[in-house]
PDB file of all heavy atoms in Angstrom:
ATOM      1  N   SER A   1       4.807   7.285  -5.908  1.00  0.00           N
ATOM      2  CA  SER A   1       5.582   7.475  -4.708  1.00  0.00           C
ATOM      3  C   SER A   1       4.664   7.478  -3.491  1.00  0.00           C
ATOM      4  O   SER A   1       3.528   7.897  -3.583  1.00  0.00           O
ATOM      5  CB  SER A   1       6.329   8.814  -4.748  1.00  0.00           C
ATOM      6  OG  SER A   1       7.269   8.868  -5.822  1.00  0.00           O
ATOM      7  N   CYS A   2       5.205   7.023  -2.375  1.00  0.00           N
ATOM      8  CA  CYS A   2       4.448   7.003  -1.130  1.00  0.00           C
ATOM      9  C   CYS A   2       5.375   7.485  -0.032  1.00  0.00           C
ATOM     10  O   CYS A   2       6.450   6.912   0.171  1.00  0.00           O
ATOM     11  CB  CYS A   2       3.927   5.624  -0.832  1.00  0.00           C
ATOM     12  SG  CYS A   2       3.266   5.412   0.827  1.00  0.00           S
ATOM     13  N   THR A   3       4.972   8.510   0.670  1.00  0.00           N
ATOM     14  CA  THR A   3       5.765   8.944   1.833  1.00  0.00           C
ATOM     15  C   THR A   3       5.040   8.552   3.077  1.00  0.00           C
ATOM     16  O   THR A   3       3.803   8.602   3.197  1.00  0.00           O
ATOM     17  CB  THR A   3       5.978  10.474   1.790  1.00  0.00           C
ATOM     18  OG1 THR A   3       4.709  11.129   1.758  1.00  0.00           O
ATOM     19  CG2 THR A   3       6.774  10.877   0.586  1.00  0.00           C
ATOM     20  N   VAL A   4       5.820   8.115   4.057  1.00  0.00           N
ATOM     21  CA  VAL A   4       5.307   7.584   5.309  1.00  0.00           C
ATOM     22  C   VAL A   4       5.823   8.480   6.444  1.00  0.00           C
ATOM     23  O   VAL A   4       7.012   8.750   6.536  1.00  0.00           O
ATOM     24  CB  VAL A   4       5.759   6.150   5.526  1.00  0.00           C
ATOM     25  CG1 VAL A   4       5.182   5.584   6.810  1.00  0.00           C
ATOM     26  CG2 VAL A   4       5.374   5.279   4.319  1.00  0.00           C
ATOM     27  N   SER A   5       4.901   8.897   7.333  1.00  0.00           N
ATOM     28  CA  SER A   5       5.307   9.822   8.380  1.00  0.00           C
ATOM     29  C   SER A   5       6.123   9.127   9.465  1.00  0.00           C
ATOM     30  O   SER A   5       6.903   9.794  10.175  1.00  0.00           O
ATOM     31  CB  SER A   5       4.074  10.471   9.012  1.00  0.00           C
ATOM     32  OG  SER A   5       3.234   9.478   9.596  1.00  0.00           O
ATOM     33  N   GLY A   6       5.968   7.822   9.612  1.00  0.00           N
ATOM     34  CA  GLY A   6       6.710   7.078  10.616  1.00  0.00           C
ATOM     35  C   GLY A   6       7.922   6.368  10.017  1.00  0.00           C
ATOM     36  O   GLY A   6       8.210   6.513   8.832  1.00  0.00           O
ATOM     37  N   THR A   7       8.595   5.597  10.817  1.00  0.00           N
ATOM     38  CA  THR A   7       9.775   4.857  10.338  1.00  0.00           C
ATOM     39  C   THR A   7       9.326   3.663   9.489  1.00  0.00           C
ATOM     40  O   THR A   7       8.289   3.063   9.710  1.00  0.00           O
ATOM     41  CB  THR A   7      10.602   4.366  11.497  1.00  0.00           C
ATOM     42  OG1 THR A   7      11.763   3.688  10.973  1.00  0.00           O
ATOM     43  CG2 THR A   7       9.848   3.378  12.406  1.00  0.00           C
ATOM     44  N   LEU A   8      10.190   3.352   8.503  1.00  0.00           N
ATOM     45  CA  LEU A   8       9.952   2.181   7.664  1.00  0.00           C
ATOM     46  C   LEU A   8      10.819   1.002   8.081  1.00  0.00           C
ATOM     47  O   LEU A   8      10.623  -0.092   7.582  1.00  0.00           O
ATOM     48  CB  LEU A   8      10.246   2.495   6.202  1.00  0.00           C
ATOM     49  CG  LEU A   8       9.203   3.329   5.433  1.00  0.00           C
ATOM     50  CD1 LEU A   8       9.599   3.459   3.982  1.00  0.00           C
ATOM     51  CD2 LEU A   8       7.822   2.705   5.568  1.00  0.00           C
ATOM     52  N   PHE A   9      11.747   1.270   8.991  1.00  0.00           N
ATOM     53  CA  PHE A   9      12.656   0.187   9.403  1.00  0.00           C
ATOM     54  C   PHE A   9      11.863  -0.916  10.060  1.00  0.00           C
ATOM     55  O   PHE A   9      11.054  -0.702  10.981  1.00  0.00           O
ATOM     56  CB  PHE A   9      13.735   0.755  10.316  1.00  0.00           C
ATOM     57  CG  PHE A   9      14.759   1.566   9.600  1.00  0.00           C
ATOM     58  CD1 PHE A   9      14.631   2.958   9.548  1.00  0.00           C
ATOM     59  CD2 PHE A   9      15.813   0.996   8.956  1.00  0.00           C
ATOM     60  CE1 PHE A   9      15.538   3.740   8.853  1.00  0.00           C
ATOM     61  CE2 PHE A   9      16.749   1.765   8.279  1.00  0.00           C
ATOM     62  CZ  PHE A   9      16.613   3.124   8.229  1.00  0.00           C
ATOM     63  N   GLY A  10      12.072  -2.129   9.623  1.00  0.00           N
ATOM     64  CA  GLY A  10      11.409  -3.316  10.198  1.00  0.00           C
ATOM     65  C   GLY A  10      10.000  -3.532   9.698  1.00  0.00           C
ATOM     66  O   GLY A  10       9.310  -4.391  10.231  1.00  0.00           O
ATOM     67  N   ILE A  11       9.567  -2.742   8.726  1.00  0.00           N
ATOM     68  CA  ILE A  11       8.184  -2.802   8.245  1.00  0.00           C
ATOM     69  C   ILE A  11       8.148  -3.377   6.819  1.00  0.00           C
ATOM     70  O   ILE A  11       8.851  -2.871   5.937  1.00  0.00           O
ATOM     71  CB  ILE A  11       7.535  -1.426   8.244  1.00  0.00           C
ATOM     72  CG1 ILE A  11       7.578  -0.814   9.663  1.00  0.00           C
ATOM     73  CG2 ILE A  11       6.078  -1.505   7.761  1.00  0.00           C
ATOM     74  CD1 ILE A  11       6.754  -1.519  10.700  1.00  0.00           C
ATOM     75  N   TYR A  12       7.313  -4.405   6.611  1.00  0.00           N
ATOM     76  CA  TYR A  12       7.009  -4.847   5.262  1.00  0.00           C
ATOM     77  C   TYR A  12       6.014  -3.816   4.664  1.00  0.00           C
ATOM     78  O   TYR A  12       5.059  -3.414   5.333  1.00  0.00           O
ATOM     79  CB  TYR A  12       6.337  -6.203   5.241  1.00  0.00           C
ATOM     80  CG  TYR A  12       7.238  -7.396   5.485  1.00  0.00           C
ATOM     81  CD1 TYR A  12       8.391  -7.276   6.247  1.00  0.00           C
ATOM     82  CD2 TYR A  12       6.926  -8.621   4.957  1.00  0.00           C
ATOM     83  CE1 TYR A  12       9.207  -8.398   6.452  1.00  0.00           C
ATOM     84  CE2 TYR A  12       7.717  -9.752   5.173  1.00  0.00           C
ATOM     85  CZ  TYR A  12       8.849  -9.629   5.926  1.00  0.00           C
ATOM     86  OH  TYR A  12       9.648 -10.732   6.152  1.00  0.00           O
ATOM     87  N   MET A  13       6.264  -3.452   3.414  1.00  0.00           N
ATOM     88  CA  MET A  13       5.378  -2.466   2.774  1.00  0.00           C
ATOM     89  C   MET A  13       4.789  -3.060   1.493  1.00  0.00           C
ATOM     90  O   MET A  13       5.335  -3.999   0.915  1.00  0.00           O
ATOM     91  CB  MET A  13       6.147  -1.182   2.456  1.00  0.00           C
ATOM     92  CG  MET A  13       6.552  -0.403   3.677  1.00  0.00           C
ATOM     93  SD  MET A  13       5.142   0.255   4.605  1.00  0.00           S
ATOM     94  CE  MET A  13       4.405   1.360   3.420  1.00  0.00           C
ATOM     95  N   ALA A  14       3.694  -2.478   1.061  1.00  0.00           N
ATOM     96  CA  ALA A  14       3.028  -2.979  -0.132  1.00  0.00           C
ATOM     97  C   ALA A  14       2.284  -1.862  -0.844  1.00  0.00           C
ATOM     98  O   ALA A  14       1.940  -0.840  -0.245  1.00  0.00           O
ATOM     99  CB  ALA A  14       2.057  -4.096   0.246  1.00  0.00           C
ATOM    100  N   TRP A  15       2.043  -2.101  -2.116  1.00  0.00           N
ATOM    101  CA  TRP A  15       1.134  -1.271  -2.914  1.00  0.00           C
ATOM    102  C   TRP A  15      -0.125  -2.107  -3.166  1.00  0.00           C
ATOM    103  O   TRP A  15      -0.038  -3.280  -3.482  1.00  0.00           O
ATOM    104  CB  TRP A  15       1.751  -0.866  -4.230  1.00  0.00           C
ATOM    105  CG  TRP A  15       2.719   0.263  -4.114  1.00  0.00           C
ATOM    106  CD1 TRP A  15       4.068   0.196  -3.967  1.00  0.00           C
ATOM    107  CD2 TRP A  15       2.400   1.661  -4.137  1.00  0.00           C
ATOM    108  NE1 TRP A  15       4.609   1.441  -3.863  1.00  0.00           N
ATOM    109  CE2 TRP A  15       3.594   2.369  -3.975  1.00  0.00           C
ATOM    110  CE3 TRP A  15       1.189   2.369  -4.251  1.00  0.00           C
ATOM    111  CZ2 TRP A  15       3.645   3.751  -3.955  1.00  0.00           C
ATOM    112  CZ3 TRP A  15       1.257   3.747  -4.227  1.00  0.00           C
ATOM    113  CH2 TRP A  15       2.474   4.437  -4.078  1.00  0.00           C
ATOM    114  N   TYR A  16      -1.256  -1.443  -3.024  1.00  0.00           N
ATOM    115  CA  TYR A  16      -2.560  -2.056  -3.259  1.00  0.00           C
ATOM    116  C   TYR A  16      -3.256  -1.222  -4.317  1.00  0.00           C
ATOM    117  O   TYR A  16      -2.899  -0.076  -4.575  1.00  0.00           O
ATOM    118  CB  TYR A  16      -3.415  -2.015  -1.984  1.00  0.00           C
ATOM    119  CG  TYR A  16      -2.791  -2.676  -0.774  1.00  0.00           C
ATOM    120  CD1 TYR A  16      -1.793  -2.048  -0.029  1.00  0.00           C
ATOM    121  CD2 TYR A  16      -3.211  -3.928  -0.348  1.00  0.00           C
ATOM    122  CE1 TYR A  16      -1.226  -2.631   1.074  1.00  0.00           C
ATOM    123  CE2 TYR A  16      -2.666  -4.510   0.791  1.00  0.00           C
ATOM    124  CZ  TYR A  16      -1.685  -3.849   1.495  1.00  0.00           C
ATOM    125  OH  TYR A  16      -1.128  -4.440   2.612  1.00  0.00           O
ATOM    126  N   ARG A  17      -4.304  -1.788  -4.908  1.00  0.00           N
ATOM    127  CA  ARG A  17      -5.124  -1.018  -5.856  1.00  0.00           C
ATOM    128  C   ARG A  17      -6.571  -1.437  -5.762  1.00  0.00           C
ATOM    129  O   ARG A  17      -6.873  -2.566  -5.380  1.00  0.00           O
ATOM    130  CB  ARG A  17      -4.609  -1.142  -7.289  1.00  0.00           C
ATOM    131  CG  ARG A  17      -4.818  -2.503  -7.909  1.00  0.00           C
ATOM    132  CD  ARG A  17      -4.171  -2.548  -9.303  1.00  0.00           C
ATOM    133  NE  ARG A  17      -4.352  -3.851  -9.944  1.00  0.00           N
ATOM    134  CZ  ARG A  17      -3.765  -4.202 -11.076  1.00  0.00           C
ATOM    135  NH1 ARG A  17      -2.948  -3.348 -11.709  1.00  0.00           N
ATOM    136  NH2 ARG A  17      -3.968  -5.409 -11.581  1.00  0.00           N
ATOM    137  N   GLN A  18      -7.427  -0.501  -6.103  1.00  0.00           N
ATOM    138  CA  GLN A  18      -8.869  -0.785  -6.148  1.00  0.00           C
ATOM    139  C   GLN A  18      -9.451  -0.193  -7.397  1.00  0.00           C
ATOM    140  O   GLN A  18      -9.435   1.029  -7.595  1.00  0.00           O
ATOM    141  CB  GLN A  18      -9.561  -0.228  -4.897  1.00  0.00           C
ATOM    142  CG  GLN A  18     -11.019  -0.651  -4.812  1.00  0.00           C
ATOM    143  CD  GLN A  18     -11.638  -0.382  -3.457  1.00  0.00           C
ATOM    144  OE1 GLN A  18     -11.152   0.446  -2.692  1.00  0.00           O
ATOM    145  NE2 GLN A  18     -12.706  -1.076  -3.162  1.00  0.00           N
ATOM    146  N   ALA A  19      -9.947  -1.068  -8.269  1.00  0.00           N
ATOM    147  CA  ALA A  19     -10.597  -0.657  -9.497  1.00  0.00           C
ATOM    148  C   ALA A  19     -12.091  -0.457  -9.208  1.00  0.00           C
ATOM    149  O   ALA A  19     -12.633  -1.037  -8.253  1.00  0.00           O
ATOM    150  CB  ALA A  19     -10.394  -1.711 -10.577  1.00  0.00           C
ATOM    151  N   PRO A  20     -12.774   0.316 -10.033  1.00  0.00           N
ATOM    152  CA  PRO A  20     -14.209   0.559  -9.810  1.00  0.00           C
ATOM    153  C   PRO A  20     -14.984  -0.741  -9.764  1.00  0.00           C
ATOM    154  O   PRO A  20     -14.827  -1.595 -10.625  1.00  0.00           O
ATOM    155  CB  PRO A  20     -14.604   1.398 -11.022  1.00  0.00           C
ATOM    156  CG  PRO A  20     -13.353   2.073 -11.432  1.00  0.00           C
ATOM    157  CD  PRO A  20     -12.275   1.107 -11.151  1.00  0.00           C
ATOM    158  N   GLY A  21     -15.777  -0.897  -8.735  1.00  0.00           N
ATOM    159  CA  GLY A  21     -16.622  -2.084  -8.582  1.00  0.00           C
ATOM    160  C   GLY A  21     -15.900  -3.350  -8.157  1.00  0.00           C
ATOM    161  O   GLY A  21     -16.484  -4.417  -8.129  1.00  0.00           O
ATOM    162  N   LYS A  22     -14.628  -3.209  -7.820  1.00  0.00           N
ATOM    163  CA  LYS A  22     -13.859  -4.401  -7.421  1.00  0.00           C
ATOM    164  C   LYS A  22     -13.260  -4.203  -6.026  1.00  0.00           C
ATOM    165  O   LYS A  22     -13.155  -3.090  -5.518  1.00  0.00           O
ATOM    166  CB  LYS A  22     -12.721  -4.656  -8.440  1.00  0.00           C
ATOM    167  CG  LYS A  22     -13.208  -5.034  -9.814  1.00  0.00           C
ATOM    168  CD  LYS A  22     -12.041  -5.429 -10.709  1.00  0.00           C
ATOM    169  CE  LYS A  22     -12.537  -5.893 -12.051  1.00  0.00           C
ATOM    170  NZ  LYS A  22     -11.395  -6.312 -12.929  1.00  0.00           N
ATOM    171  N   GLN A  23     -12.878  -5.312  -5.430  1.00  0.00           N
ATOM    172  CA  GLN A  23     -12.242  -5.231  -4.115  1.00  0.00           C
ATOM    173  C   GLN A  23     -10.787  -4.778  -4.234  1.00  0.00           C
ATOM    174  O   GLN A  23     -10.145  -4.968  -5.278  1.00  0.00           O
ATOM    175  CB  GLN A  23     -12.276  -6.624  -3.439  1.00  0.00           C
ATOM    176  CG  GLN A  23     -13.692  -7.046  -2.983  1.00  0.00           C
ATOM    177  CD  GLN A  23     -13.653  -8.234  -2.045  1.00  0.00           C
ATOM    178  OE1 GLN A  23     -12.695  -9.006  -2.025  1.00  0.00           O
ATOM    179  NE2 GLN A  23     -14.694  -8.418  -1.280  1.00  0.00           N
ATOM    180  N   ARG A  24     -10.296  -4.186  -3.171  1.00  0.00           N
ATOM    181  CA  ARG A  24      -8.909  -3.778  -3.137  1.00  0.00           C
ATOM    182  C   ARG A  24      -8.031  -5.022  -3.132  1.00  0.00           C
ATOM    183  O   ARG A  24      -8.333  -6.003  -2.488  1.00  0.00           O
ATOM    184  CB  ARG A  24      -8.620  -2.947  -1.880  1.00  0.00           C
ATOM    185  CG  ARG A  24      -7.421  -2.075  -1.969  1.00  0.00           C
ATOM    186  CD  ARG A  24      -7.382  -1.068  -0.818  1.00  0.00           C
ATOM    187  NE  ARG A  24      -8.638  -0.344  -0.684  1.00  0.00           N
ATOM    188  CZ  ARG A  24      -8.746   0.801   0.018  1.00  0.00           C
ATOM    189  NH1 ARG A  24      -7.673   1.299   0.613  1.00  0.00           N
ATOM    190  NH2 ARG A  24      -9.894   1.394   0.108  1.00  0.00           N
ATOM    191  N   GLU A  25      -6.941  -4.965  -3.915  1.00  0.00           N
ATOM    192  CA  GLU A  25      -6.052  -6.095  -4.013  1.00  0.00           C
ATOM    193  C   GLU A  25      -4.601  -5.670  -3.824  1.00  0.00           C
ATOM    194  O   GLU A  25      -4.236  -4.527  -4.144  1.00  0.00           O
ATOM    195  CB  GLU A  25      -6.191  -6.813  -5.387  1.00  0.00           C
ATOM    196  CG  GLU A  25      -5.851  -5.959  -6.560  1.00  0.00           C
ATOM    197  CD  GLU A  25      -6.074  -6.682  -7.896  1.00  0.00           C
ATOM    198  OE1 GLU A  25      -6.360  -7.895  -7.895  1.00  0.00           O
ATOM    199  OE2 GLU A  25      -5.939  -6.015  -8.946  1.00  0.00           O
ATOM    200  N   LEU A  26      -3.798  -6.596  -3.313  1.00  0.00           N
ATOM    201  CA  LEU A  26      -2.358  -6.327  -3.130  1.00  0.00           C
ATOM    202  C   LEU A  26      -1.657  -6.540  -4.450  1.00  0.00           C
ATOM    203  O   LEU A  26      -1.787  -7.598  -5.065  1.00  0.00           O
ATOM    204  CB  LEU A  26      -1.808  -7.241  -2.050  1.00  0.00           C
ATOM    205  CG  LEU A  26      -0.428  -6.906  -1.517  1.00  0.00           C
ATOM    206  CD1 LEU A  26      -0.275  -7.363  -0.070  1.00  0.00           C
ATOM    207  CD2 LEU A  26       0.674  -7.530  -2.377  1.00  0.00           C
ATOM    208  N   VAL A  27      -0.905  -5.540  -4.881  1.00  0.00           N
ATOM    209  CA  VAL A  27      -0.242  -5.579  -6.170  1.00  0.00           C
ATOM    210  C   VAL A  27       1.229  -5.982  -6.035  1.00  0.00           C
ATOM    211  O   VAL A  27       1.736  -6.776  -6.839  1.00  0.00           O
ATOM    212  CB  VAL A  27      -0.330  -4.182  -6.834  1.00  0.00           C
ATOM    213  CG1 VAL A  27       0.456  -4.146  -8.123  1.00  0.00           C
ATOM    214  CG2 VAL A  27      -1.786  -3.821  -7.095  1.00  0.00           C
TER     215      VAL A  27
END
């Protein structure tokens, strides 16, 4: 879960991840 303090209306959202030793990637 992810809570956002601002509005989400009109916003594209995404989950990203970063494994040890690797670059962050969009999931």
